[in-house]
C-alpha atoms as a PDB file:
ATOM      1  CA  MET A   1     -18.486 -60.461  21.254  1.00  0.00           C
ATOM      2  CA  THR A   2     -19.041 -56.790  20.381  1.00  0.00           C
ATOM      3  CA  PRO A   3     -18.441 -56.276  16.641  1.00  0.00           C
ATOM      4  CA  TYR A   4     -15.637 -53.971  15.624  1.00  0.00           C
ATOM      5  CA  PRO A   5     -16.469 -50.737  13.769  1.00  0.00           C
ATOM      6  CA  ALA A   6     -15.763 -50.568  10.044  1.00  0.00           C
ATOM      7  CA  PRO A   7     -12.019 -50.690   9.313  1.00  0.00           C
ATOM      8  CA  GLN A   8     -10.005 -47.725   8.173  1.00  0.00           C
ATOM      9  CA  VAL A   9      -7.009 -47.607   5.846  1.00  0.00           C
ATOM     10  CA  TYR A  10      -4.473 -44.876   6.501  1.00  0.00           C
ATOM     11  CA  VAL A  11      -2.261 -43.719   3.637  1.00  0.00           C
ATOM     12  CA  VAL A  12       0.934 -41.714   4.198  1.00  0.00           C
ATOM     13  CA  ASP A  13       2.599 -40.499   1.003  1.00  0.00           C
ATOM     14  CA  ASP A  14       4.053 -37.141  -0.022  1.00  0.00           C
ATOM     15  CA  ASP A  15       2.674 -37.420  -3.581  1.00  0.00           C
ATOM     16  CA  PRO A  16      -0.788 -35.768  -3.697  1.00  0.00           C
ATOM     17  CA  ALA A  17      -1.723 -37.506  -6.963  1.00  0.00           C
ATOM     18  CA  LEU A  18      -0.844 -40.927  -5.562  1.00  0.00           C
ATOM     19  CA  ARG A  19      -2.723 -40.215  -2.335  1.00  0.00           C
ATOM     20  CA  ASP A  20      -5.848 -39.378  -4.317  1.00  0.00           C
ATOM     21  CA  SER A  21      -5.375 -42.443  -6.527  1.00  0.00           C
ATOM     22  CA  LEU A  22      -5.041 -44.732  -3.529  1.00  0.00           C
ATOM     23  CA  ARG A  23      -8.045 -43.208  -1.829  1.00  0.00           C
ATOM     24  CA  CYS A  24     -10.197 -43.709  -4.930  1.00  0.00           C
ATOM     25  CA  LEU A  25      -8.973 -47.298  -5.304  1.00  0.00           C
ATOM     26  CA  LEU A  26      -9.695 -48.178  -1.683  1.00  0.00           C
ATOM     27  CA  GLU A  27     -13.081 -46.480  -1.664  1.00  0.00           C
ATOM     28  CA  SER A  28     -14.019 -48.288  -4.900  1.00  0.00           C
ATOM     29  CA  VAL A  29     -14.066 -51.560  -2.934  1.00  0.00           C
ATOM     30  CA  GLY A  30     -15.948 -50.103   0.017  1.00  0.00           C
ATOM     31  CA  LEU A  31     -12.995 -49.289   2.277  1.00  0.00           C
ATOM     32  CA  ARG A  32     -12.721 -46.049   4.205  1.00  0.00           C
ATOM     33  CA  ALA A  33      -9.421 -44.290   3.479  1.00  0.00           C
ATOM     34  CA  LEU A  34      -7.718 -41.369   5.197  1.00  0.00           C
ATOM     35  CA  VAL A  35      -4.676 -39.869   3.459  1.00  0.00           C
ATOM     36  CA  PHE A  36      -1.806 -37.835   4.887  1.00  0.00           C
ATOM     37  CA  ALA A  37       1.354 -36.188   3.594  1.00  0.00           C
ATOM     38  CA  ASP A  38       3.473 -37.237   6.581  1.00  0.00           C
ATOM     39  CA  THR A  39       3.571 -39.573   9.564  1.00  0.00           C
ATOM     40  CA  ASP A  40       2.913 -36.841  12.119  1.00  0.00           C
ATOM     41  CA  ALA A  41      -0.461 -36.080  10.549  1.00  0.00           C
ATOM     42  CA  PHE A  42      -1.329 -39.772  10.665  1.00  0.00           C
ATOM     43  CA  LEU A  43      -0.365 -40.046  14.331  1.00  0.00           C
ATOM     44  CA  ALA A  44      -2.623 -37.108  15.156  1.00  0.00           C
ATOM     45  CA  ALA A  45      -5.583 -38.641  13.313  1.00  0.00           C
ATOM     46  CA  TYR A  46      -5.181 -42.328  14.244  1.00  0.00           C
ATOM     47  CA  GLN A  47      -8.277 -43.857  15.873  1.00  0.00           C
ATOM     48  CA  PRO A  48      -7.182 -46.697  18.173  1.00  0.00           C
ATOM     49  CA  ASP A  49     -10.680 -48.147  18.630  1.00  0.00           C
ATOM     50  CA  ARG A  50     -11.156 -48.721  14.901  1.00  0.00           C
ATOM     51  CA  PRO A  51      -9.443 -51.634  13.102  1.00  0.00           C
ATOM     52  CA  GLY A  52      -7.154 -50.531  10.317  1.00  0.00           C
ATOM     53  CA  CYS A  53      -3.813 -50.641   8.574  1.00  0.00           C
ATOM     54  CA  LEU A  54      -1.234 -48.166   7.357  1.00  0.00           C
ATOM     55  CA  LEU A  55       0.083 -47.785   3.797  1.00  0.00           C
ATOM     56  CA  LEU A  56       3.380 -45.958   4.241  1.00  0.00           C
ATOM     57  CA  ASP A  57       5.807 -44.483   1.730  1.00  0.00           C
ATOM     58  CA  VAL A  58       9.206 -45.007   3.371  1.00  0.00           C
ATOM     59  CA  HIS A  59      10.917 -42.284   1.353  1.00  0.00           C
ATOM     60  CA  ILE A  60       9.251 -39.005   2.240  1.00  0.00           C
ATOM     61  CA  PRO A  61      11.667 -36.090   1.683  1.00  0.00           C
ATOM     62  CA  GLY A  62      13.084 -34.613   4.856  1.00  0.00           C
ATOM     63  CA  ARG A  63      11.982 -37.545   7.020  1.00  0.00           C
ATOM     64  CA  ASN A  64      13.399 -40.906   8.029  1.00  0.00           C
ATOM     65  CA  ASP A  65      10.376 -43.156   8.393  1.00  0.00           C
ATOM     66  CA  LEU A  66      12.360 -46.379   8.583  1.00  0.00           C
ATOM     67  CA  ASN A  67      11.959 -46.102  12.328  1.00  0.00           C
ATOM     68  CA  VAL A  68       8.181 -45.860  11.962  1.00  0.00           C
ATOM     69  CA  GLN A  69       7.597 -49.038  14.000  1.00  0.00           C
ATOM     70  CA  GLN A  70       9.463 -47.552  16.958  1.00  0.00           C
ATOM     71  CA  ARG A  71       7.501 -44.322  16.606  1.00  0.00           C
ATOM     72  CA  LEU A  72       4.212 -46.187  16.476  1.00  0.00           C
ATOM     73  CA  HIS A  73       5.105 -48.313  19.478  1.00  0.00           C
ATOM     74  CA  GLY A  74       6.148 -45.146  21.307  1.00  0.00           C
ATOM     75  CA  HIS A  75       2.597 -43.888  20.804  1.00  0.00           C
ATOM     76  CA  GLY A  76       1.086 -47.227  21.860  1.00  0.00           C
ATOM     77  CA  ILE A  77      -0.006 -48.034  18.290  1.00  0.00           C
ATOM     78  CA  ASP A  78       0.122 -51.619  17.016  1.00  0.00           C
ATOM     79  CA  VAL A  79      -1.282 -51.243  13.513  1.00  0.00           C
ATOM     80  CA  PRO A  80      -0.193 -53.448  10.574  1.00  0.00           C
ATOM     81  CA  VAL A  81       2.081 -51.479   8.245  1.00  0.00           C
ATOM     82  CA  ILE A  82       2.415 -52.006   4.505  1.00  0.00           C
ATOM     83  CA  ILE A  83       5.456 -50.312   3.020  1.00  0.00           C
ATOM     84  CA  VAL A  84       4.933 -48.694  -0.392  1.00  0.00           C
ATOM     85  CA  THR A  85       8.278 -48.072  -2.089  1.00  0.00           C
ATOM     86  CA  SER A  86       9.915 -47.129  -5.363  1.00  0.00           C
ATOM     87  CA  HIS A  87      12.213 -49.690  -7.012  1.00  0.00           C
ATOM     88  CA  GLY A  88      15.299 -48.044  -5.530  1.00  0.00           C
ATOM     89  CA  ASP A  89      13.992 -48.344  -1.989  1.00  0.00           C
ATOM     90  CA  VAL A  90      13.605 -52.128  -1.779  1.00  0.00           C
ATOM     91  CA  ALA A  91      16.522 -52.442   0.671  1.00  0.00           C
ATOM     92  CA  MET A  92      14.898 -49.801   2.870  1.00  0.00           C
ATOM     93  CA  ALA A  93      11.593 -51.673   2.711  1.00  0.00           C
ATOM     94  CA  VAL A  94      13.270 -54.920   3.749  1.00  0.00           C
ATOM     95  CA  THR A  95      14.829 -53.111   6.704  1.00  0.00           C
ATOM     96  CA  ALA A  96      11.421 -51.728   7.660  1.00  0.00           C
ATOM     97  CA  MET A  97       9.911 -55.232   7.485  1.00  0.00           C
ATOM     98  CA  LYS A  98      12.608 -56.506   9.811  1.00  0.00           C
ATOM     99  CA  GLN A  99      11.501 -53.784  12.201  1.00  0.00           C
ATOM    100  CA  GLY A 100       7.938 -55.096  12.115  1.00  0.00           C
ATOM    101  CA  ALA A 101       6.204 -53.998   8.913  1.00  0.00           C
ATOM    102  CA  LEU A 102       3.767 -56.601   7.567  1.00  0.00           C
ATOM    103  CA  ASP A 103       4.490 -56.332   3.851  1.00  0.00           C
ATOM    104  CA  PHE A 104       5.872 -54.075   1.144  1.00  0.00           C
ATOM    105  CA  ILE A 105       4.751 -53.151  -2.348  1.00  0.00           C
ATOM    106  CA  GLU A 106       6.882 -51.653  -5.090  1.00  0.00           C
ATOM    107  CA  LYS A 107       5.808 -48.670  -7.173  1.00  0.00           C
ATOM    108  CA  PRO A 108       4.269 -48.800  -9.703  1.00  0.00           C
ATOM    109  CA  PHE A 109       2.052 -51.356  -8.014  1.00  0.00           C
ATOM    110  CA  ASN A 110      -0.590 -53.771  -9.226  1.00  0.00           C
ATOM    111  CA  GLU A 111      -3.924 -52.567  -7.870  1.00  0.00           C
ATOM    112  CA  GLN A 112      -5.255 -56.038  -7.075  1.00  0.00           C
ATOM    113  CA  LEU A 113      -2.040 -56.949  -5.287  1.00  0.00           C
ATOM    114  CA  LEU A 114      -2.305 -53.822  -3.182  1.00  0.00           C
ATOM    115  CA  LEU A 115      -5.945 -54.544  -2.317  1.00  0.00           C
ATOM    116  CA  ASP A 116      -5.053 -58.124  -1.382  1.00  0.00           C
ATOM    117  CA  CYS A 117      -2.307 -56.834   0.919  1.00  0.00           C
ATOM    118  CA  VAL A 118      -4.691 -54.338   2.495  1.00  0.00           C
ATOM    119  CA  HIS A 119      -7.351 -56.983   3.184  1.00  0.00           C
ATOM    120  CA  HIS A 120      -4.690 -59.253   4.678  1.00  0.00           C
ATOM    121  CA  ALA A 121      -3.453 -56.403   6.891  1.00  0.00           C
ATOM    122  CA  LEU A 122      -6.987 -55.599   8.074  1.00  0.00           C
ATOM    123  CA  ALA A 123      -7.564 -59.251   8.957  1.00  0.00           C
ATOM    124  CA  GLU A 124      -4.233 -59.261  10.819  1.00  0.00           C
ATOM    125  CA  ASP A 125      -5.295 -56.214  12.813  1.00  0.00           C
ATOM    126  CA  VAL A 126      -8.482 -57.986  13.957  1.00  0.00           C
ATOM    127  CA  VAL A 127      -6.387 -60.975  15.065  1.00  0.00           C
ATOM    128  CA  ARG A 128      -4.045 -58.690  17.016  1.00  0.00           C
ATOM    129  CA  ARG A 129      -6.970 -56.963  18.699  1.00  0.00           C
ATOM    130  CA  ARG A 130      -8.509 -60.274  19.738  1.00  0.00           C
ATOM    131  CA  THR A 131      -5.153 -61.444  21.058  1.00  0.00           C
ATOM    132  CA  ARG A 132      -4.738 -58.278  23.118  1.00  0.00           C
ATOM    133  CA  ALA A 133      -8.290 -58.570  24.449  1.00  0.00           C
ATOM    134  CA  ARG A 134      -7.650 -62.206  25.381  1.00  0.00           C
ATOM    135  CA  ARG A 135      -4.443 -61.256  27.183  1.00  0.00           C
ATOM    136  CA  ARG A 136      -6.217 -58.499  29.129  1.00  0.00           C
ATOM    137  CA  GLU A 137      -8.873 -60.994  30.234  1.00  0.00           C
ATOM    138  CA  LEU A 138      -6.267 -63.538  31.333  1.00  0.00           C
ATOM    139  CA  LEU A 139      -4.384 -60.885  33.292  1.00  0.00           C
ATOM    140  CA  ARG A 140      -7.650 -59.935  34.984  1.00  0.00           C
ATOM    141  CA  ARG A 141      -8.109 -63.562  36.028  1.00  0.00           C
ATOM    142  CA  LEU A 142      -4.494 -63.727  37.210  1.00  0.00           C
ATOM    143  CA  ASP A 143      -5.113 -60.730  39.458  1.00  0.00           C
ATOM    144  CA  THR A 144      -7.848 -62.697  41.263  1.00  0.00           C
ATOM    145  CA  LEU A 145      -5.296 -65.270  42.481  1.00  0.00           C
ATOM    146  CA  THR A 146      -3.762 -64.912  45.913  1.00  0.00           C
ATOM    147  CA  PRO A 147       0.045 -64.652  46.090  1.00  0.00           C
ATOM    148  CA  ARG A 148       0.232 -68.284  47.199  1.00  0.00           C
ATOM    149  CA  GLU A 149      -2.040 -69.395  44.353  1.00  0.00           C
ATOM    150  CA  GLN A 150       0.221 -67.529  41.940  1.00  0.00           C
ATOM    151  CA  ASP A 151       3.217 -69.376  43.426  1.00  0.00           C
ATOM    152  CA  VAL A 152       1.453 -72.668  42.794  1.00  0.00           C
ATOM    153  CA  LEU A 153       0.488 -71.602  39.278  1.00  0.00           C
ATOM    154  CA  ARG A 154       4.096 -70.865  38.417  1.00  0.00           C
ATOM    155  CA  ARG A 155       5.259 -74.291  39.621  1.00  0.00           C
ATOM    156  CA  VAL A 156       2.420 -76.056  37.811  1.00  0.00           C
ATOM    157  CA  VAL A 157       3.376 -74.340  34.563  1.00  0.00           C
ATOM    158  CA  GLU A 158       7.015 -75.279  35.155  1.00  0.00           C
ATOM    159  CA  GLY A 159       5.898 -78.909  35.188  1.00  0.00           C
ATOM    160  CA  LEU A 160       6.288 -79.725  38.888  1.00  0.00           C
ATOM    161  CA  SER A 161       4.083 -82.373  40.463  1.00  0.00           C
ATOM    162  CA  ASN A 162       1.963 -81.660  43.535  1.00  0.00           C
ATOM    163  CA  ARG A 163       4.552 -83.439  45.696  1.00  0.00           C
ATOM    164  CA  GLU A 164       7.394 -81.356  44.241  1.00  0.00           C
ATOM    165  CA  ILE A 165       5.415 -78.124  44.651  1.00  0.00           C
ATOM    166  CA  ALA A 166       4.712 -79.026  48.277  1.00  0.00           C
ATOM    167  CA  GLU A 167       8.433 -79.507  48.911  1.00  0.00           C
ATOM    168  CA  VAL A 168       9.464 -76.282  47.183  1.00  0.00           C
ATOM    169  CA  LEU A 169       6.848 -74.141  48.945  1.00  0.00           C
ATOM    170  CA  SER A 170       7.013 -75.994  52.291  1.00  0.00           C
ATOM    171  CA  LEU A 171       3.341 -76.899  52.146  1.00  0.00           C
ATOM    172  CA  SER A 172       1.398 -80.089  52.621  1.00  0.00           C
ATOM    173  CA  ARG A 173       0.405 -81.955  49.500  1.00  0.00           C
ATOM    174  CA  LYS A 174      -3.255 -81.492  50.423  1.00  0.00           C
ATOM    175  CA  THR A 175      -2.798 -77.722  50.645  1.00  0.00           C
ATOM    176  CA  VAL A 176      -1.171 -77.688  47.211  1.00  0.00           C
ATOM    177  CA  GLU A 177      -4.095 -79.633  45.790  1.00  0.00           C
ATOM    178  CA  VAL A 178      -6.535 -77.081  47.220  1.00  0.00           C
ATOM    179  CA  HIS A 179      -4.536 -74.153  45.803  1.00  0.00           C
ATOM    180  CA  ARG A 180      -4.220 -75.888  42.454  1.00  0.00           C
ATOM    181  CA  ALA A 181      -7.986 -76.427  42.267  1.00  0.00           C
ATOM    182  CA  LYS A 182      -8.526 -72.745  43.063  1.00  0.00           C
ATOM    183  CA  VAL A 183      -6.084 -71.773  40.326  1.00  0.00           C
ATOM    184  CA  MET A 184      -7.933 -73.856  37.767  1.00  0.00           C
ATOM    185  CA  GLN A 185     -11.264 -72.401  38.886  1.00  0.00           C
ATOM    186  CA  LYS A 186     -10.194 -68.750  38.905  1.00  0.00           C
ATOM    187  CA  MET A 187      -8.292 -68.992  35.633  1.00  0.00           C
ATOM    188  CA  GLU A 188     -11.321 -70.803  34.131  1.00  0.00           C
ATOM    189  CA  ALA A 189      -9.119 -73.621  32.835  1.00  0.00           C
ATOM    190  CA  ASP A 190     -10.684 -77.032  32.293  1.00  0.00           C
ATOM    191  CA  THR A 191      -7.415 -78.876  31.662  1.00  0.00           C
ATOM    192  CA  LEU A 192      -3.727 -78.538  32.489  1.00  0.00           C
ATOM    193  CA  SER A 193      -2.883 -77.937  28.819  1.00  0.00           C
ATOM    194  CA  GLN A 194      -5.401 -75.093  28.765  1.00  0.00           C
ATOM    195  CA  LEU A 195      -3.787 -73.553  31.833  1.00  0.00           C
ATOM    196  CA  ILE A 196      -0.335 -73.815  30.264  1.00  0.00           C
ATOM    197  CA  ARG A 197      -1.551 -72.103  27.092  1.00  0.00           C
ATOM    198  CA  MET A 198      -3.014 -69.313  29.209  1.00  0.00           C
ATOM    199  CA  ALA A 199       0.276 -68.874  31.032  1.00  0.00           C
ATOM    200  CA  MET A 200       2.126 -68.743  27.717  1.00  0.00           C
ATOM    201  CA  ALA A 201      -0.320 -66.153  26.358  1.00  0.00           C
ATOM    202  CA  ILE A 202       0.399 -63.751  29.214  1.00  0.00           C
ATOM    203  CA  GLY A 203       4.118 -64.551  29.470  1.00  0.00           C
ATOM    204  CA  ILE A 204       3.712 -65.538  33.095  1.00  0.00           C
ATOM    205  CA  LEU A 205       7.092 -67.281  33.366  1.00  0.00           C
ATOM    206  CA  LYS A 206       8.863 -64.202  32.071  1.00  0.00           C
ATOM    207  CA  VAL A 207       6.865 -61.975  34.432  1.00  0.00           C
ATOM    208  CA  TYR A 208       7.790 -64.064  37.461  1.00  0.00           C
ATOM    209  CA  ASP A 209      11.411 -64.610  36.449  1.00  0.00           C
ATOM    210  CA  GLU A 210      11.940 -60.847  36.172  1.00  0.00           C
ATOM    211  CA  ALA A 211      10.179 -60.122  39.453  1.00  0.00           C
END
């Protein structure tokens, strides 16, 4: 597997002194930090190919960044977000977490706690990237199946036996067995449980049910 480039921590806070303090703290433990006064500047500078996380002050004057998760998703960004908040903004931070933020830290914060949260967020980003890469690979394999093989795959995942699949699709049992073997081969699944996990990873039942 190709190694990921060095991670990057993005900091969005309207306080210049705090931005500098956070940058120095992060760089003191070997992390690369980029700091911004607002979310728009972050969005313009974000590097999607580099693992990272976002430290975000939810109370920047003149802006409502509680909808930051929606804004990030709108830009195709799935980066772990750590909310940094003053004591009076805890309710806002909880709301932001419900919208998808990974964690929140109250100001004034403990430096070690913040670093622990950052390392956790960076590890989470690597997991998300691997999950997305795995899903892309499974979708590529799915695309190699013929329409009939995809029909068989759906029924297999639903738990139907070869006899039941043959009845539903008006095929012979032998034909179903051939299609099922092809499905296993093309999806690179050694066992039925493996195939089911693959189908769950790509949401295949949902995809078919909405088709």
